[in-house]
């Protein structure tokens, strides 16, 4: 590809010979022992000697063995946001109950239970996220949805903006 002086984006050092691509074949520019993968690549000569399990690549309809799809990542992000809102809801609802709690429990007991309730949502999210790394996606999402239902911030719902 020729670079002209009247290009819209020309920078100092564009004429550096190390920037020119000598070979268009990605397999030729790789060090020994590496193979090119992806669209437009051809198998390396050593790939014929590799075991069949290393030669198999996922087809267009399959996902990579360790990766998640875009929908799964968006779903995890939305559920993470819900867990963050639940944490804030437990904090606000618990702090609004502080005046009423003095008649039922000691102040130390209330503080301990308040901070345990606030920490429950992030602990549940991280525990499910870490313990289901190698599990099926439906199991991870179902456990996160169960956590959303179980950890509903009732003090905020009953005393907070809705219950006033």
N, C-alpha and C. Protein backbone atom coordinates (compact mmCIF):
# COMPACT_ATOMS: atom_id res chain seq x y z
N UNK A 1 0.85 -1.16 0.00
CA UNK A 1 0.00 0.00 0.00
C UNK A 1 0.90 1.24 0.00
N UNK A 2 0.76 2.04 -1.00
CA UNK A 2 1.61 3.22 -1.14
C UNK A 2 1.06 4.34 -0.27
N UNK A 3 1.97 5.06 0.35
CA UNK A 3 1.58 6.20 1.17
C UNK A 3 1.97 7.48 0.44
N UNK A 4 1.00 8.30 0.15
CA UNK A 4 1.28 9.55 -0.53
C UNK A 4 1.46 10.67 0.48
N UNK A 5 2.10 11.74 0.02
CA UNK A 5 2.32 12.89 0.88
C UNK A 5 1.04 13.65 1.17
N UNK A 6 0.02 13.48 0.31
CA UNK A 6 -1.22 14.21 0.50
C UNK A 6 -2.27 13.39 1.24
N UNK A 7 -1.88 12.36 1.96
CA UNK A 7 -2.83 11.58 2.75
C UNK A 7 -3.43 12.46 3.85
N UNK A 8 -4.66 12.13 4.23
CA UNK A 8 -5.33 12.93 5.26
C UNK A 8 -4.63 12.78 6.60
N UNK A 9 -4.15 11.61 6.90
CA UNK A 9 -3.46 11.38 8.17
C UNK A 9 -2.05 10.89 7.88
N UNK A 10 -1.13 11.77 7.90
CA UNK A 10 0.26 11.35 7.78
C UNK A 10 1.00 11.87 9.00
N UNK A 11 1.82 11.03 9.54
CA UNK A 11 2.51 11.34 10.78
C UNK A 11 4.01 11.24 10.56
N UNK A 12 4.73 11.88 11.41
CA UNK A 12 6.17 11.77 11.37
C UNK A 12 6.56 10.34 11.69
N UNK A 13 7.37 9.74 10.85
CA UNK A 13 7.79 8.37 11.07
C UNK A 13 6.98 7.36 10.29
N UNK A 14 6.03 7.83 9.44
CA UNK A 14 5.24 6.90 8.63
C UNK A 14 6.09 6.19 7.59
N UNK A 15 7.21 6.78 7.22
CA UNK A 15 8.05 6.16 6.21
C UNK A 15 9.03 5.16 6.81
N UNK A 16 8.86 4.81 8.07
CA UNK A 16 9.71 3.84 8.74
C UNK A 16 9.55 2.48 8.07
N UNK A 17 10.63 1.84 7.62
CA UNK A 17 10.51 0.56 6.92
C UNK A 17 10.03 -0.58 7.81
N UNK A 18 10.12 -0.44 9.14
CA UNK A 18 9.65 -1.52 10.02
C UNK A 18 8.15 -1.56 10.09
N UNK A 19 7.45 -0.50 9.64
CA UNK A 19 6.00 -0.48 9.66
C UNK A 19 5.39 -1.15 8.45
N UNK A 20 6.16 -1.35 7.38
CA UNK A 20 5.64 -1.99 6.19
C UNK A 20 5.48 -3.47 6.43
N UNK A 21 4.36 -3.99 5.98
CA UNK A 21 4.09 -5.42 6.10
C UNK A 21 4.72 -6.12 4.91
N UNK A 22 5.66 -7.01 5.18
CA UNK A 22 6.36 -7.71 4.12
C UNK A 22 5.49 -8.81 3.55
N UNK A 23 4.83 -9.53 4.43
CA UNK A 23 4.04 -10.68 3.99
C UNK A 23 2.59 -10.47 4.38
N UNK A 24 1.68 -10.82 3.49
CA UNK A 24 0.26 -10.74 3.78
C UNK A 24 -0.23 -12.01 4.48
N UNK A 25 0.55 -13.06 4.47
CA UNK A 25 0.16 -14.33 5.08
C UNK A 25 0.51 -14.30 6.56
N UNK A 26 -0.51 -14.38 7.46
CA UNK A 26 -0.19 -14.30 8.90
C UNK A 26 0.64 -15.48 9.39
N UNK A 27 0.54 -16.63 8.72
CA UNK A 27 1.30 -17.79 9.17
C UNK A 27 2.79 -17.60 8.94
N UNK A 28 3.17 -16.80 7.92
CA UNK A 28 4.58 -16.58 7.64
C UNK A 28 5.24 -15.64 8.65
N UNK A 29 4.47 -14.74 9.25
CA UNK A 29 5.06 -13.76 10.15
C UNK A 29 5.09 -14.23 11.60
N UNK A 30 4.56 -15.42 11.89
CA UNK A 30 4.54 -15.92 13.27
C UNK A 30 5.81 -16.70 13.58
N UNK A 31 6.24 -16.68 14.84
CA UNK A 31 7.40 -17.48 15.23
C UNK A 31 7.09 -18.97 15.12
N UNK A 32 8.11 -19.76 15.15
CA UNK A 32 7.94 -21.22 15.05
C UNK A 32 7.15 -21.74 16.24
N UNK A 33 6.21 -22.64 15.97
CA UNK A 33 5.40 -23.23 17.03
C UNK A 33 4.07 -22.56 17.23
N UNK A 34 3.82 -21.41 16.59
CA UNK A 34 2.56 -20.69 16.70
C UNK A 34 1.76 -20.88 15.42
N UNK A 35 0.45 -20.92 15.56
CA UNK A 35 -0.41 -21.05 14.39
C UNK A 35 -1.35 -19.86 14.32
N UNK A 36 -1.69 -19.47 13.11
CA UNK A 36 -2.62 -18.36 12.92
C UNK A 36 -4.04 -18.89 13.02
N UNK A 37 -4.89 -18.16 13.73
CA UNK A 37 -6.31 -18.53 13.84
C UNK A 37 -7.13 -17.32 13.49
N UNK A 38 -8.34 -17.56 13.04
CA UNK A 38 -9.24 -16.46 12.73
C UNK A 38 -9.57 -16.41 11.25
N UNK A 39 -10.34 -15.43 10.88
CA UNK A 39 -10.81 -15.30 9.51
C UNK A 39 -9.64 -15.00 8.58
N UNK A 40 -9.56 -15.72 7.49
CA UNK A 40 -8.53 -15.48 6.48
C UNK A 40 -7.20 -16.13 6.78
N UNK A 41 -7.06 -16.85 7.85
CA UNK A 41 -5.78 -17.47 8.16
C UNK A 41 -5.76 -18.89 7.59
N UNK A 42 -4.55 -19.33 7.31
CA UNK A 42 -4.37 -20.69 6.83
C UNK A 42 -3.61 -21.47 7.89
N UNK A 43 -3.86 -22.77 7.98
CA UNK A 43 -3.15 -23.55 8.99
C UNK A 43 -1.65 -23.57 8.74
N UNK A 44 -0.91 -23.56 9.84
CA UNK A 44 0.54 -23.64 9.79
C UNK A 44 0.94 -25.06 9.41
N UNK A 45 2.15 -25.24 8.89
CA UNK A 45 2.59 -26.58 8.48
C UNK A 45 2.62 -27.55 9.65
N UNK A 46 2.92 -27.06 10.86
CA UNK A 46 3.00 -27.94 12.02
C UNK A 46 1.63 -28.34 12.53
N UNK A 47 0.55 -27.70 12.06
CA UNK A 47 -0.80 -28.01 12.55
C UNK A 47 -1.24 -29.39 12.12
N UNK A 48 -0.69 -29.92 11.03
CA UNK A 48 -1.06 -31.27 10.60
C UNK A 48 -0.55 -32.31 11.59
N UNK A 49 0.55 -31.99 12.27
CA UNK A 49 1.10 -32.92 13.24
C UNK A 49 0.44 -32.82 14.61
N UNK A 50 -0.34 -31.78 14.83
CA UNK A 50 -0.97 -31.58 16.14
C UNK A 50 -2.11 -32.57 16.33
N UNK A 51 -2.43 -32.91 17.59
CA UNK A 51 -3.55 -33.80 17.83
C UNK A 51 -4.86 -33.19 17.36
N UNK A 52 -5.88 -34.03 17.14
CA UNK A 52 -7.15 -33.56 16.62
C UNK A 52 -7.84 -32.58 17.55
N UNK A 53 -7.66 -32.73 18.87
CA UNK A 53 -8.33 -31.85 19.81
C UNK A 53 -7.82 -30.42 19.69
N UNK A 54 -6.56 -30.24 19.27
CA UNK A 54 -6.04 -28.89 19.10
C UNK A 54 -6.44 -28.29 17.76
N UNK A 55 -6.76 -29.14 16.76
CA UNK A 55 -7.11 -28.65 15.44
C UNK A 55 -8.55 -28.19 15.36
N UNK A 56 -9.41 -28.66 16.26
CA UNK A 56 -10.82 -28.31 16.19
C UNK A 56 -11.03 -26.88 16.64
N UNK A 57 -11.80 -26.15 15.85
CA UNK A 57 -12.17 -24.79 16.20
C UNK A 57 -13.69 -24.71 16.21
N UNK A 58 -14.27 -23.88 17.05
CA UNK A 58 -15.73 -23.78 17.08
C UNK A 58 -16.26 -23.20 15.78
N UNK A 59 -17.40 -23.71 15.34
CA UNK A 59 -18.02 -23.19 14.12
C UNK A 59 -18.71 -21.87 14.42
N UNK A 60 -19.33 -21.31 13.42
CA UNK A 60 -19.94 -19.98 13.58
C UNK A 60 -21.07 -19.99 14.60
N UNK A 61 -21.81 -21.10 14.73
CA UNK A 61 -22.93 -21.17 15.65
C UNK A 61 -22.53 -21.48 17.08
N UNK A 62 -21.29 -21.90 17.30
CA UNK A 62 -20.84 -22.27 18.64
C UNK A 62 -19.99 -21.15 19.21
N UNK A 63 -19.97 -21.09 20.54
CA UNK A 63 -19.11 -20.11 21.18
C UNK A 63 -17.82 -20.79 21.62
N UNK A 64 -16.82 -20.01 21.89
CA UNK A 64 -15.55 -20.53 22.36
C UNK A 64 -15.75 -21.23 23.70
N UNK A 65 -14.92 -22.23 24.03
CA UNK A 65 -15.16 -23.02 25.24
C UNK A 65 -15.18 -22.21 26.52
N UNK A 66 -14.44 -21.14 26.65
CA UNK A 66 -14.42 -20.41 27.92
C UNK A 66 -15.12 -19.07 27.88
N UNK A 67 -15.70 -18.72 26.75
CA UNK A 67 -16.25 -17.39 26.63
C UNK A 67 -17.74 -17.34 26.84
N UNK A 68 -18.23 -16.15 27.12
CA UNK A 68 -19.67 -15.91 27.25
C UNK A 68 -20.10 -15.01 26.11
N UNK A 69 -21.35 -15.15 25.73
CA UNK A 69 -21.89 -14.32 24.69
C UNK A 69 -22.22 -12.93 25.19
N UNK A 70 -22.58 -12.06 24.26
CA UNK A 70 -22.91 -10.69 24.62
C UNK A 70 -24.15 -10.62 25.50
N UNK A 71 -25.15 -11.44 25.20
CA UNK A 71 -26.38 -11.42 26.00
C UNK A 71 -26.09 -11.84 27.45
N UNK A 72 -25.21 -12.82 27.62
CA UNK A 72 -24.86 -13.27 28.97
C UNK A 72 -24.12 -12.18 29.73
N UNK A 73 -23.23 -11.47 29.06
CA UNK A 73 -22.50 -10.39 29.72
C UNK A 73 -23.42 -9.24 30.10
N UNK A 74 -24.35 -8.90 29.21
CA UNK A 74 -25.31 -7.83 29.53
C UNK A 74 -26.20 -8.25 30.69
N UNK A 75 -26.64 -9.52 30.69
CA UNK A 75 -27.49 -10.02 31.77
C UNK A 75 -26.74 -9.98 33.10
N UNK A 76 -25.48 -10.39 33.10
CA UNK A 76 -24.69 -10.32 34.33
C UNK A 76 -24.51 -8.87 34.79
N UNK A 77 -24.34 -7.96 33.85
CA UNK A 77 -24.21 -6.55 34.21
C UNK A 77 -25.50 -6.00 34.82
N UNK A 78 -26.63 -6.37 34.24
CA UNK A 78 -27.91 -5.91 34.77
C UNK A 78 -28.13 -6.49 36.16
N UNK A 79 -27.86 -7.78 36.34
CA UNK A 79 -28.03 -8.39 37.66
C UNK A 79 -27.05 -7.79 38.67
N UNK A 80 -25.84 -7.47 38.24
CA UNK A 80 -24.89 -6.80 39.13
C UNK A 80 -25.41 -5.43 39.55
N UNK A 81 -26.05 -4.72 38.62
CA UNK A 81 -26.65 -3.43 38.97
C UNK A 81 -27.80 -3.58 39.94
N UNK A 82 -28.60 -4.64 39.78
CA UNK A 82 -29.70 -4.90 40.72
C UNK A 82 -29.15 -5.19 42.10
N UNK A 83 -28.07 -5.97 42.17
CA UNK A 83 -27.46 -6.25 43.47
C UNK A 83 -26.89 -4.98 44.10
N UNK A 84 -26.36 -4.07 43.30
CA UNK A 84 -25.88 -2.80 43.84
C UNK A 84 -27.05 -1.98 44.38
N UNK A 85 -28.16 -1.96 43.66
CA UNK A 85 -29.34 -1.26 44.15
C UNK A 85 -29.88 -1.90 45.43
N UNK A 86 -29.83 -3.22 45.52
CA UNK A 86 -30.28 -3.90 46.74
C UNK A 86 -29.38 -3.53 47.91
N UNK A 87 -28.09 -3.41 47.68
CA UNK A 87 -27.17 -3.00 48.75
C UNK A 87 -27.51 -1.61 49.25
N UNK A 88 -27.75 -0.69 48.32
CA UNK A 88 -28.12 0.67 48.71
C UNK A 88 -29.49 0.67 49.41
N UNK A 89 -30.41 -0.15 48.92
CA UNK A 89 -31.74 -0.24 49.55
C UNK A 89 -31.66 -0.76 50.97
N UNK A 90 -30.83 -1.78 51.22
CA UNK A 90 -30.67 -2.28 52.59
C UNK A 90 -30.05 -1.22 53.49
N UNK A 91 -29.11 -0.46 52.97
CA UNK A 91 -28.48 0.57 53.78
C UNK A 91 -29.48 1.68 54.12
N UNK A 92 -30.18 2.19 53.13
CA UNK A 92 -31.14 3.27 53.39
C UNK A 92 -32.30 2.80 54.26
N UNK A 93 -32.84 1.62 53.95
CA UNK A 93 -33.94 1.10 54.75
C UNK A 93 -33.54 0.80 56.18
N UNK A 94 -32.34 0.26 56.35
CA UNK A 94 -31.86 -0.04 57.70
C UNK A 94 -31.61 1.21 58.51
N UNK A 95 -31.06 2.24 57.86
CA UNK A 95 -30.82 3.49 58.59
C UNK A 95 -32.12 4.18 58.96
N UNK A 96 -33.16 4.02 58.17
CA UNK A 96 -34.46 4.59 58.53
C UNK A 96 -35.13 3.85 59.67
N UNK A 97 -34.74 2.58 59.85
CA UNK A 97 -35.30 1.80 60.96
C UNK A 97 -34.55 2.00 62.27
N UNK A 98 -33.49 2.76 62.27
CA UNK A 98 -32.65 2.91 63.47
C UNK A 98 -33.43 3.48 64.65
N UNK A 99 -34.34 4.39 64.39
CA UNK A 99 -35.12 4.97 65.50
C UNK A 99 -36.07 3.95 66.12
N UNK A 100 -36.65 3.11 65.30
CA UNK A 100 -37.60 2.11 65.80
C UNK A 100 -36.90 0.90 66.41
N UNK A 101 -35.67 0.62 65.98
CA UNK A 101 -34.96 -0.56 66.44
C UNK A 101 -34.51 -0.45 67.89
N UNK A 102 -34.39 0.75 68.43
CA UNK A 102 -33.92 0.91 69.81
C UNK A 102 -34.90 0.29 70.81
N UNK A 103 -36.15 0.13 70.41
CA UNK A 103 -37.13 -0.50 71.30
C UNK A 103 -37.07 -2.02 71.25
N UNK A 104 -36.44 -2.57 70.20
CA UNK A 104 -36.45 -4.03 70.01
C UNK A 104 -35.12 -4.69 70.32
N UNK A 105 -34.01 -4.11 69.87
CA UNK A 105 -32.70 -4.73 70.05
C UNK A 105 -31.71 -3.69 70.56
N UNK A 106 -30.57 -4.16 71.03
CA UNK A 106 -29.53 -3.25 71.50
C UNK A 106 -28.91 -2.53 70.30
N UNK A 107 -28.33 -1.36 70.53
CA UNK A 107 -27.72 -0.62 69.42
C UNK A 107 -26.59 -1.40 68.73
N UNK A 108 -25.82 -2.15 69.51
CA UNK A 108 -24.74 -2.93 68.92
C UNK A 108 -25.31 -4.05 68.04
N UNK A 109 -26.34 -4.71 68.53
CA UNK A 109 -26.99 -5.76 67.75
C UNK A 109 -27.60 -5.22 66.47
N UNK A 110 -28.15 -4.03 66.55
CA UNK A 110 -28.73 -3.43 65.35
C UNK A 110 -27.65 -3.10 64.33
N UNK A 111 -26.52 -2.52 64.79
CA UNK A 111 -25.44 -2.17 63.87
C UNK A 111 -24.86 -3.40 63.18
N UNK A 112 -24.66 -4.46 63.95
CA UNK A 112 -24.11 -5.70 63.38
C UNK A 112 -25.07 -6.26 62.33
N UNK A 113 -26.35 -6.32 62.67
CA UNK A 113 -27.32 -6.87 61.72
C UNK A 113 -27.49 -5.96 60.51
N UNK A 114 -27.39 -4.66 60.69
CA UNK A 114 -27.50 -3.73 59.56
C UNK A 114 -26.36 -3.96 58.57
N UNK A 115 -25.14 -4.03 59.06
CA UNK A 115 -24.01 -4.18 58.15
C UNK A 115 -23.93 -5.57 57.56
N UNK A 116 -24.43 -6.58 58.25
CA UNK A 116 -24.53 -7.91 57.64
C UNK A 116 -25.56 -7.92 56.51
N UNK A 117 -26.66 -7.21 56.73
CA UNK A 117 -27.69 -7.13 55.68
C UNK A 117 -27.18 -6.34 54.48
N UNK A 118 -26.43 -5.28 54.71
CA UNK A 118 -25.88 -4.49 53.61
C UNK A 118 -24.85 -5.31 52.83
N UNK A 119 -24.05 -6.11 53.53
CA UNK A 119 -23.01 -6.90 52.87
C UNK A 119 -23.55 -8.17 52.22
N UNK A 120 -24.77 -8.56 52.52
CA UNK A 120 -25.30 -9.83 52.00
C UNK A 120 -25.41 -9.83 50.48
N UNK A 121 -25.84 -8.74 49.88
CA UNK A 121 -26.01 -8.71 48.42
C UNK A 121 -24.69 -8.84 47.68
N UNK A 122 -23.66 -8.04 48.00
CA UNK A 122 -22.39 -8.24 47.29
C UNK A 122 -21.76 -9.60 47.56
N UNK A 123 -21.94 -10.11 48.78
CA UNK A 123 -21.38 -11.43 49.09
C UNK A 123 -22.06 -12.50 48.26
N UNK A 124 -23.39 -12.43 48.12
CA UNK A 124 -24.11 -13.42 47.32
C UNK A 124 -23.65 -13.34 45.86
N UNK A 125 -23.57 -12.12 45.32
CA UNK A 125 -23.19 -11.96 43.92
C UNK A 125 -21.79 -12.52 43.68
N UNK A 126 -20.83 -12.14 44.50
CA UNK A 126 -19.45 -12.62 44.31
C UNK A 126 -19.34 -14.13 44.52
N UNK A 127 -20.06 -14.66 45.50
CA UNK A 127 -20.00 -16.10 45.75
C UNK A 127 -20.55 -16.87 44.57
N UNK A 128 -21.70 -16.47 44.06
CA UNK A 128 -22.27 -17.17 42.90
C UNK A 128 -21.37 -16.99 41.69
N UNK A 129 -20.85 -15.79 41.49
CA UNK A 129 -20.00 -15.53 40.34
C UNK A 129 -18.73 -16.37 40.38
N UNK A 130 -18.11 -16.50 41.55
CA UNK A 130 -16.86 -17.25 41.65
C UNK A 130 -17.07 -18.77 41.69
N UNK A 131 -18.13 -19.23 42.35
CA UNK A 131 -18.33 -20.67 42.48
C UNK A 131 -18.95 -21.30 41.24
N UNK A 132 -19.51 -20.51 40.35
CA UNK A 132 -20.12 -21.09 39.15
C UNK A 132 -19.34 -20.72 37.89
N UNK A 133 -18.06 -20.52 38.03
CA UNK A 133 -17.24 -20.17 36.86
C UNK A 133 -17.25 -21.28 35.82
N UNK A 134 -17.18 -22.51 36.23
CA UNK A 134 -17.10 -23.63 35.31
C UNK A 134 -18.45 -24.31 35.10
N UNK A 135 -19.50 -23.76 35.66
CA UNK A 135 -20.84 -24.34 35.53
C UNK A 135 -21.53 -23.80 34.28
N UNK A 136 -22.67 -24.36 34.02
CA UNK A 136 -23.49 -23.89 32.90
C UNK A 136 -24.00 -22.48 33.21
N UNK A 137 -24.25 -21.73 32.15
CA UNK A 137 -24.70 -20.36 32.31
C UNK A 137 -26.07 -20.29 32.95
N UNK A 138 -26.95 -21.22 32.64
CA UNK A 138 -28.30 -21.19 33.20
C UNK A 138 -28.26 -21.37 34.72
N UNK A 139 -27.30 -22.15 35.22
CA UNK A 139 -27.18 -22.34 36.67
C UNK A 139 -26.73 -21.04 37.34
N UNK A 140 -25.75 -20.37 36.74
CA UNK A 140 -25.27 -19.10 37.30
C UNK A 140 -26.40 -18.07 37.32
N UNK A 141 -27.11 -17.94 36.21
CA UNK A 141 -28.17 -16.94 36.15
C UNK A 141 -29.32 -17.28 37.08
N UNK A 142 -29.66 -18.56 37.19
CA UNK A 142 -30.76 -18.92 38.10
C UNK A 142 -30.39 -18.66 39.56
N UNK A 143 -29.15 -18.92 39.93
CA UNK A 143 -28.73 -18.64 41.31
C UNK A 143 -28.71 -17.12 41.57
N UNK A 144 -28.33 -16.34 40.58
CA UNK A 144 -28.35 -14.89 40.76
C UNK A 144 -29.78 -14.37 40.86
N UNK A 145 -30.70 -14.95 40.09
CA UNK A 145 -32.11 -14.53 40.17
C UNK A 145 -32.71 -14.93 41.51
N UNK A 146 -32.36 -16.12 42.02
CA UNK A 146 -32.82 -16.52 43.35
C UNK A 146 -32.32 -15.53 44.39
N UNK A 147 -31.07 -15.10 44.27
CA UNK A 147 -30.53 -14.11 45.20
C UNK A 147 -31.26 -12.78 45.13
N UNK A 148 -31.65 -12.37 43.93
CA UNK A 148 -32.41 -11.12 43.79
C UNK A 148 -33.73 -11.23 44.54
N UNK A 149 -34.37 -12.38 44.47
CA UNK A 149 -35.65 -12.56 45.15
C UNK A 149 -35.49 -12.71 46.67
N UNK A 150 -34.47 -13.42 47.09
CA UNK A 150 -34.27 -13.67 48.53
C UNK A 150 -33.80 -12.41 49.26
N UNK A 151 -32.95 -11.62 48.60
CA UNK A 151 -32.34 -10.47 49.26
C UNK A 151 -33.08 -9.16 49.02
N UNK A 152 -34.33 -9.24 48.69
CA UNK A 152 -35.14 -8.05 48.48
C UNK A 152 -35.09 -7.15 49.72
N UNK A 153 -34.78 -5.87 49.56
CA UNK A 153 -34.61 -4.99 50.72
C UNK A 153 -35.96 -4.57 51.32
N UNK A 154 -36.52 -5.44 52.15
CA UNK A 154 -37.83 -5.18 52.74
C UNK A 154 -37.90 -3.92 53.60
N UNK A 155 -36.88 -3.57 54.36
CA UNK A 155 -36.99 -2.32 55.13
C UNK A 155 -37.17 -1.10 54.23
N UNK A 156 -36.51 -1.07 53.11
CA UNK A 156 -36.67 0.05 52.20
C UNK A 156 -38.05 0.06 51.58
N UNK A 157 -38.56 -1.11 51.24
CA UNK A 157 -39.88 -1.19 50.62
C UNK A 157 -40.99 -0.80 51.62
N UNK A 158 -40.87 -1.26 52.84
CA UNK A 158 -41.92 -1.02 53.83
C UNK A 158 -41.82 0.36 54.49
N UNK A 159 -40.62 0.84 54.74
CA UNK A 159 -40.46 2.12 55.46
C UNK A 159 -39.93 3.19 54.52
N UNK A 160 -39.30 2.77 53.43
CA UNK A 160 -38.67 3.72 52.52
C UNK A 160 -39.69 4.52 51.73
N UNK A 161 -39.41 4.76 50.49
CA UNK A 161 -40.23 5.65 49.66
C UNK A 161 -41.63 5.08 49.46
N UNK A 162 -41.78 3.77 49.39
CA UNK A 162 -43.08 3.16 49.13
C UNK A 162 -43.94 3.13 50.39
N UNK A 163 -43.33 2.83 51.54
CA UNK A 163 -44.11 2.61 52.75
C UNK A 163 -44.44 3.84 53.56
N UNK A 164 -44.04 5.02 53.13
CA UNK A 164 -44.29 6.21 53.96
C UNK A 164 -45.67 6.76 53.77
